[in-house]
Protein backbone atom coordinates (compact mmCIF):
# COMPACT_ATOMS: atom_id res chain seq x y z
CA MET A 1 0.12 -0.08 0.54
CA SER A 2 1.64 3.34 -0.69
CA PHE A 3 1.44 6.50 0.87
CA ASP A 4 1.43 9.97 -1.06
CA PHE A 5 2.39 12.22 0.81
CA LEU A 6 3.58 14.69 -1.24
CA GLN A 7 -0.36 14.59 -3.10
CA LEU A 8 1.12 15.49 -6.27
CA ALA A 9 0.19 12.36 -7.73
CA GLY A 10 -1.61 13.81 -11.56
CA LYS A 11 -0.87 16.85 -11.07
CA ALA A 12 0.30 18.47 -14.07
CA VAL A 13 3.37 20.71 -12.68
CA LEU A 14 5.87 22.92 -15.25
CA VAL A 15 10.03 23.21 -14.83
CA MET A 16 11.76 25.59 -16.02
CA GLY A 17 15.38 24.90 -16.59
CA VAL A 18 16.99 22.26 -17.72
CA ALA A 19 20.39 21.78 -18.74
CA ASN A 20 21.73 18.67 -18.33
CA LYS A 21 21.36 15.28 -16.05
CA LYS A 22 22.87 17.59 -13.28
CA SER A 23 20.26 20.65 -13.55
CA VAL A 24 18.88 20.65 -10.19
CA ALA A 25 15.38 21.04 -12.97
CA TRP A 26 16.25 17.64 -13.94
CA HIS A 27 16.69 16.49 -10.38
CA VAL A 28 13.65 17.67 -9.37
CA ALA A 29 11.14 16.31 -13.24
CA GLN A 30 12.64 13.23 -11.43
CA VAL A 31 11.34 13.64 -8.17
CA LEU A 32 8.28 14.55 -9.59
CA THR A 33 7.97 12.00 -11.82
CA ALA A 34 8.30 9.42 -8.62
CA ALA A 35 5.29 11.54 -6.94
CA GLY A 36 2.99 10.88 -9.82
CA ALA A 37 3.12 14.07 -11.03
CA ARG A 38 2.52 14.92 -14.56
CA VAL A 39 5.61 17.03 -16.06
CA VAL A 40 6.63 19.73 -18.72
CA LEU A 41 9.60 21.46 -18.93
CA THR A 42 11.39 24.04 -21.05
CA VAL A 43 15.23 24.63 -22.57
CA ARG A 44 16.23 27.24 -23.61
CA THR A 45 16.90 26.44 -27.25
CA PRO A 46 16.28 23.98 -29.32
CA GLU A 47 19.31 22.66 -29.35
CA ARG A 48 19.35 22.01 -26.05
CA ARG A 49 15.46 20.10 -26.67
CA GLU A 50 17.36 17.30 -28.76
CA GLN A 51 19.69 16.99 -26.24
CA VAL A 52 17.36 16.64 -23.35
CA ARG A 53 14.92 14.47 -24.98
CA LYS A 54 18.14 12.09 -25.15
CA PHE A 55 17.59 11.07 -21.27
CA ALA A 56 14.17 13.12 -20.58
CA GLY A 57 12.32 10.15 -22.67
CA GLU A 58 8.13 10.77 -23.13
CA LEU A 59 8.06 13.95 -20.94
CA PRO A 60 7.69 17.34 -23.18
CA ILE A 61 10.04 19.63 -23.87
CA LEU A 62 9.37 22.99 -24.70
CA VAL A 63 11.43 25.55 -26.07
CA CYS A 64 11.70 28.84 -24.34
CA ASP A 65 14.04 31.21 -23.96
CA LEU A 66 13.51 33.44 -20.92
CA GLU A 67 15.14 36.90 -22.17
CA LEU A 68 12.83 37.45 -25.09
CA PRO A 69 9.44 38.17 -23.62
CA GLU A 70 7.66 36.48 -27.41
CA GLN A 71 9.16 33.16 -26.89
CA ILE A 72 7.59 33.92 -23.10
CA GLU A 73 4.16 34.67 -24.69
CA ARG A 74 4.69 31.58 -27.36
CA LEU A 75 5.05 29.02 -24.47
CA ARG A 76 1.57 30.44 -22.64
CA THR A 77 -0.23 29.60 -26.55
CA GLU A 78 0.95 26.70 -26.47
CA LEU A 79 0.24 25.59 -22.12
CA ALA A 80 -3.04 27.03 -23.15
CA ALA A 81 -3.68 24.74 -25.82
CA THR A 82 -3.30 21.82 -24.05
CA GLY A 83 -6.00 22.48 -21.48
CA GLU A 84 -4.31 21.71 -18.78
CA LYS A 85 -3.95 23.86 -15.30
CA PHE A 86 -0.99 23.80 -12.96
CA ALA A 87 -0.42 23.31 -9.76
CA GLY A 88 3.18 24.29 -9.68
CA LEU A 89 5.92 25.78 -11.64
CA VAL A 90 10.00 26.01 -11.01
CA HIS A 91 11.68 28.41 -12.20
CA SER A 92 15.09 26.93 -12.21
CA VAL A 93 17.11 29.29 -14.28
CA ALA A 94 19.76 31.56 -14.29
CA PHE A 95 22.30 33.06 -16.20
CA ALA A 96 25.60 35.21 -16.22
CA GLU A 97 28.75 36.28 -18.46
CA TYR A 98 31.97 35.18 -17.16
CA THR A 99 33.89 36.18 -20.65
CA GLY A 100 37.64 36.94 -19.96
CA GLY A 101 37.67 35.48 -16.01
CA ILE A 102 36.10 36.82 -12.95
CA LYS A 103 36.78 40.79 -12.49
CA PRO A 104 36.76 42.63 -9.34
CA PHE A 105 32.79 44.23 -8.74
CA HIS A 106 33.50 47.73 -8.58
CA GLU A 107 34.39 46.52 -12.76
CA THR A 108 30.87 45.02 -12.88
CA GLY A 109 29.79 45.71 -16.72
CA LYS A 110 26.31 47.20 -16.83
CA ARG A 111 25.71 45.16 -20.43
CA GLU A 112 26.48 41.96 -17.89
CA PHE A 113 25.45 42.91 -15.16
CA LEU A 114 21.38 43.80 -16.70
CA ARG A 115 21.04 40.78 -18.74
CA ALA A 116 21.94 38.55 -15.75
CA VAL A 117 18.99 40.18 -13.88
CA ASP A 118 16.59 40.33 -16.37
CA ILE A 119 17.52 36.51 -17.12
CA SER A 120 18.08 35.19 -13.57
CA CYS A 121 15.63 37.49 -11.80
CA TYR A 122 13.26 39.36 -13.97
CA SER A 123 12.42 36.10 -16.11
CA LEU A 124 10.72 34.90 -12.70
CA ILE A 125 8.15 37.98 -12.59
CA ALA A 126 7.46 37.88 -16.58
CA VAL A 127 7.19 33.96 -16.43
CA SER A 128 4.80 34.27 -13.67
CA ASN A 129 2.49 36.78 -14.92
CA ALA A 130 1.90 35.72 -18.50
CA LEU A 131 1.08 31.86 -16.99
CA LEU A 132 -0.72 33.25 -14.30
CA GLU A 133 -3.85 32.14 -15.80
CA LEU A 134 -2.80 28.64 -16.54
CA LEU A 135 -2.17 28.28 -12.95
CA GLU A 136 -4.44 26.68 -10.59
CA PRO A 137 -5.57 29.39 -7.96
CA THR A 138 -3.52 27.40 -4.84
CA ALA A 139 -0.21 26.50 -7.04
CA ALA A 140 2.56 26.89 -5.96
CA ILE A 141 6.01 28.51 -7.33
CA VAL A 142 9.66 28.23 -6.52
CA THR A 143 12.23 29.56 -7.61
CA ILE A 144 16.10 28.44 -6.52
CA SER A 145 18.54 30.86 -5.19
CA ILE A 146 21.88 30.83 -2.97
CA SER A 147 22.78 29.79 0.91
CA THR A 148 23.21 33.62 0.72
CA THR A 149 23.82 36.55 -0.64
CA VAL A 150 25.83 38.90 1.95
CA MET A 151 29.23 36.29 1.99
CA ALA A 152 31.44 38.12 -0.80
CA SER A 153 32.25 35.38 -2.49
CA GLU A 154 34.99 36.27 -5.18
CA ASN A 155 34.93 33.93 -7.31
CA TYR A 156 31.00 34.34 -7.71
CA GLY A 157 31.27 37.38 -9.12
CA TYR A 158 28.64 39.60 -9.64
CA MET A 159 25.95 36.82 -8.97
CA ALA A 160 24.90 37.05 -5.67
CA PRO A 161 23.42 40.67 -5.84
CA ILE A 162 21.74 39.40 -8.27
CA LYS A 163 20.04 36.26 -6.30
CA ALA A 164 19.54 39.38 -3.90
CA ALA A 165 17.01 40.71 -6.00
CA LEU A 166 15.16 37.37 -6.58
CA ASP A 167 15.04 36.64 -2.94
CA SER A 168 13.19 40.36 -2.75
CA ALA A 169 11.42 39.51 -5.81
CA VAL A 170 9.46 36.11 -4.19
CA VAL A 171 8.28 38.46 -1.45
CA PHE A 172 7.23 40.88 -3.53
CA LEU A 173 5.36 38.50 -5.74
CA ALA A 174 3.40 37.05 -3.28
CA LYS A 175 2.65 39.40 -1.77
CA SER A 176 1.07 40.40 -5.26
CA LEU A 177 -0.70 37.67 -6.02
CA SER A 178 -1.99 37.39 -2.80
CA LYS A 179 -4.52 39.79 -3.85
CA SER A 180 -6.60 37.64 -6.44
CA THR A 181 -5.08 33.46 -6.02
CA GLN A 182 -3.78 31.89 -2.86
CA ILE A 183 -0.77 30.83 -5.35
CA ARG A 184 2.25 30.01 -3.04
CA VAL A 185 6.09 31.80 -3.88
CA ASN A 186 9.21 30.72 -2.00
CA ALA A 187 12.80 30.03 -3.19
CA VAL A 188 15.40 27.12 -2.40
CA ALA A 189 18.51 28.60 -1.86
CA PRO A 190 21.73 26.17 -2.14
CA GLY A 191 25.22 25.96 -0.99
CA LEU A 192 27.32 25.02 -3.26
CA LEU A 193 26.74 22.23 -5.91
CA LYS A 194 28.05 19.83 -8.34
CA THR A 195 26.78 20.75 -11.75
CA SER A 196 27.74 21.58 -14.82
CA ALA A 197 26.62 25.29 -14.40
CA SER A 198 28.64 26.23 -11.52
CA ALA A 199 31.45 23.62 -13.23
CA GLY A 200 31.75 26.81 -15.31
CA ILE A 201 32.26 29.38 -12.94
CA PRO A 202 36.73 30.58 -12.63
CA GLY A 203 37.52 28.44 -9.11
CA TYR A 204 33.98 27.48 -8.07
CA LEU A 205 35.95 24.01 -7.60
CA ASP A 206 38.22 25.64 -4.45
CA ALA A 207 35.06 26.83 -3.18
CA TYR A 208 32.91 23.95 -3.68
CA LEU A 209 36.29 21.97 -1.40
CA PHE A 210 36.07 24.46 1.05
CA ALA A 211 32.28 24.71 1.30
CA GLU A 212 32.46 20.77 1.42
CA GLN A 213 34.12 20.90 4.93
CA ALA A 214 32.55 23.78 5.98
CA THR A 215 29.53 22.11 6.59
CA LEU A 216 28.57 20.28 9.64
CA ARG A 217 28.71 16.79 8.08
CA LYS A 218 31.68 17.68 6.54
CA ALA A 219 29.59 16.41 3.27
CA ALA A 220 28.55 18.38 0.74
CA VAL A 221 25.06 19.66 -0.52
CA GLN A 222 23.24 17.05 -2.93
CA THR A 223 22.06 18.51 -5.96
CA ALA A 224 19.55 16.07 -4.69
CA GLU A 225 18.52 17.19 -1.86
CA VAL A 226 17.66 20.47 -2.88
CA ALA A 227 15.46 18.70 -5.66
CA ASN A 228 13.29 16.81 -2.23
CA ALA A 229 12.81 20.36 -0.58
CA VAL A 230 11.49 21.96 -4.35
CA ALA A 231 9.03 18.85 -4.74
CA PHE A 232 8.39 19.19 -0.95
CA LEU A 233 7.35 24.00 -1.38
CA LEU A 234 5.47 22.77 -4.41
CA SER A 235 3.32 20.10 -2.36
CA PRO A 236 0.66 20.86 -0.68
CA ARG A 237 1.61 19.49 2.48
CA ALA A 238 3.59 23.26 2.28
CA SER A 239 0.41 24.97 2.00
CA GLY A 240 1.74 27.46 5.40
CA ILE A 241 4.59 28.74 3.79
CA ASN A 242 4.98 31.45 1.53
CA ALA A 243 7.32 34.63 0.47
CA GLN A 244 10.32 32.38 2.21
CA ARG A 245 13.90 31.46 0.93
CA ILE A 246 14.29 27.45 2.49
CA VAL A 247 18.65 27.31 3.06
CA ILE A 248 20.00 24.62 1.86
CA ASP A 249 23.36 23.87 3.21
CA ALA A 250 23.79 20.96 5.30
CA GLY A 251 24.66 23.42 8.27
CA MET A 252 27.54 25.06 6.81
CA ALA A 253 26.14 29.05 8.04
CA ALA A 254 26.72 27.63 11.37
CA ASN A 255 30.12 26.24 11.26
CA TYR A 256 32.64 28.68 10.07
CA PHE A 257 34.50 28.77 12.65
CA ASP A 258 34.75 25.02 12.70
CA ARG A 259 38.10 24.54 14.83
CA GLU A 260 39.72 22.16 11.67
CA ILE A 261 39.52 24.93 9.57
CA VAL A 262 40.79 27.44 11.77
CA GLU A 263 43.72 25.19 12.84
CA ARG A 264 44.80 24.95 9.08
CA VAL A 265 45.09 27.97 9.22
CA VAL A 266 46.55 28.97 12.05
CA LYS A 267 49.02 26.24 12.14
């Protein structure tokens, strides 16, 4: 006898941002599928769709570059044509240009910064607005942030301030939608993960290895753990959680002065 704890069986969920098997979005899709949800994926380009098709089986895959308003509108039209109402929307999308390597923060270019804000933050607002009529009145929207935006990690470049804007957008979006719906909006904020996207950040591996030792368990956060938290926030079981960021960092934020780490530095 099975027990449907998440209560997502038979419900439709849109998962945006699958790039490859290591993507947070793909891990979320797997958890949701195992829970019996009907998952629809979106990817950025037709080429990416062909790559994702190789491991996504029969899951529907739509193309939507969130930088382009006309593609968001096309996505709305395509989804509306199915007659489906969605119980959940997962926004797992981020982008930054590190051409030429990480620069000192004060040298951040305006074009690069604003483009990253558009794709990584504003897209959450844009897609939530465009698809609002396709969401169930009690649907849940979940985006992917980072565990801290106030620790100035140099190798992360200018993305932490953009994720801070995303965190704030979650709160304002939740408040705005509450005027006419019971839709919840939350963020899952993981510590350092081993994903293909993170591998492209200069110096990330060293930071990842440090973060692993800084966790209370001396083991890195797993992408599957993040996906589990996302699935929970999408579930009716999380009905009382709204306008929040749930940190998944294995206790790292409480352990920066770990004795072993301190001793390595001072000795």
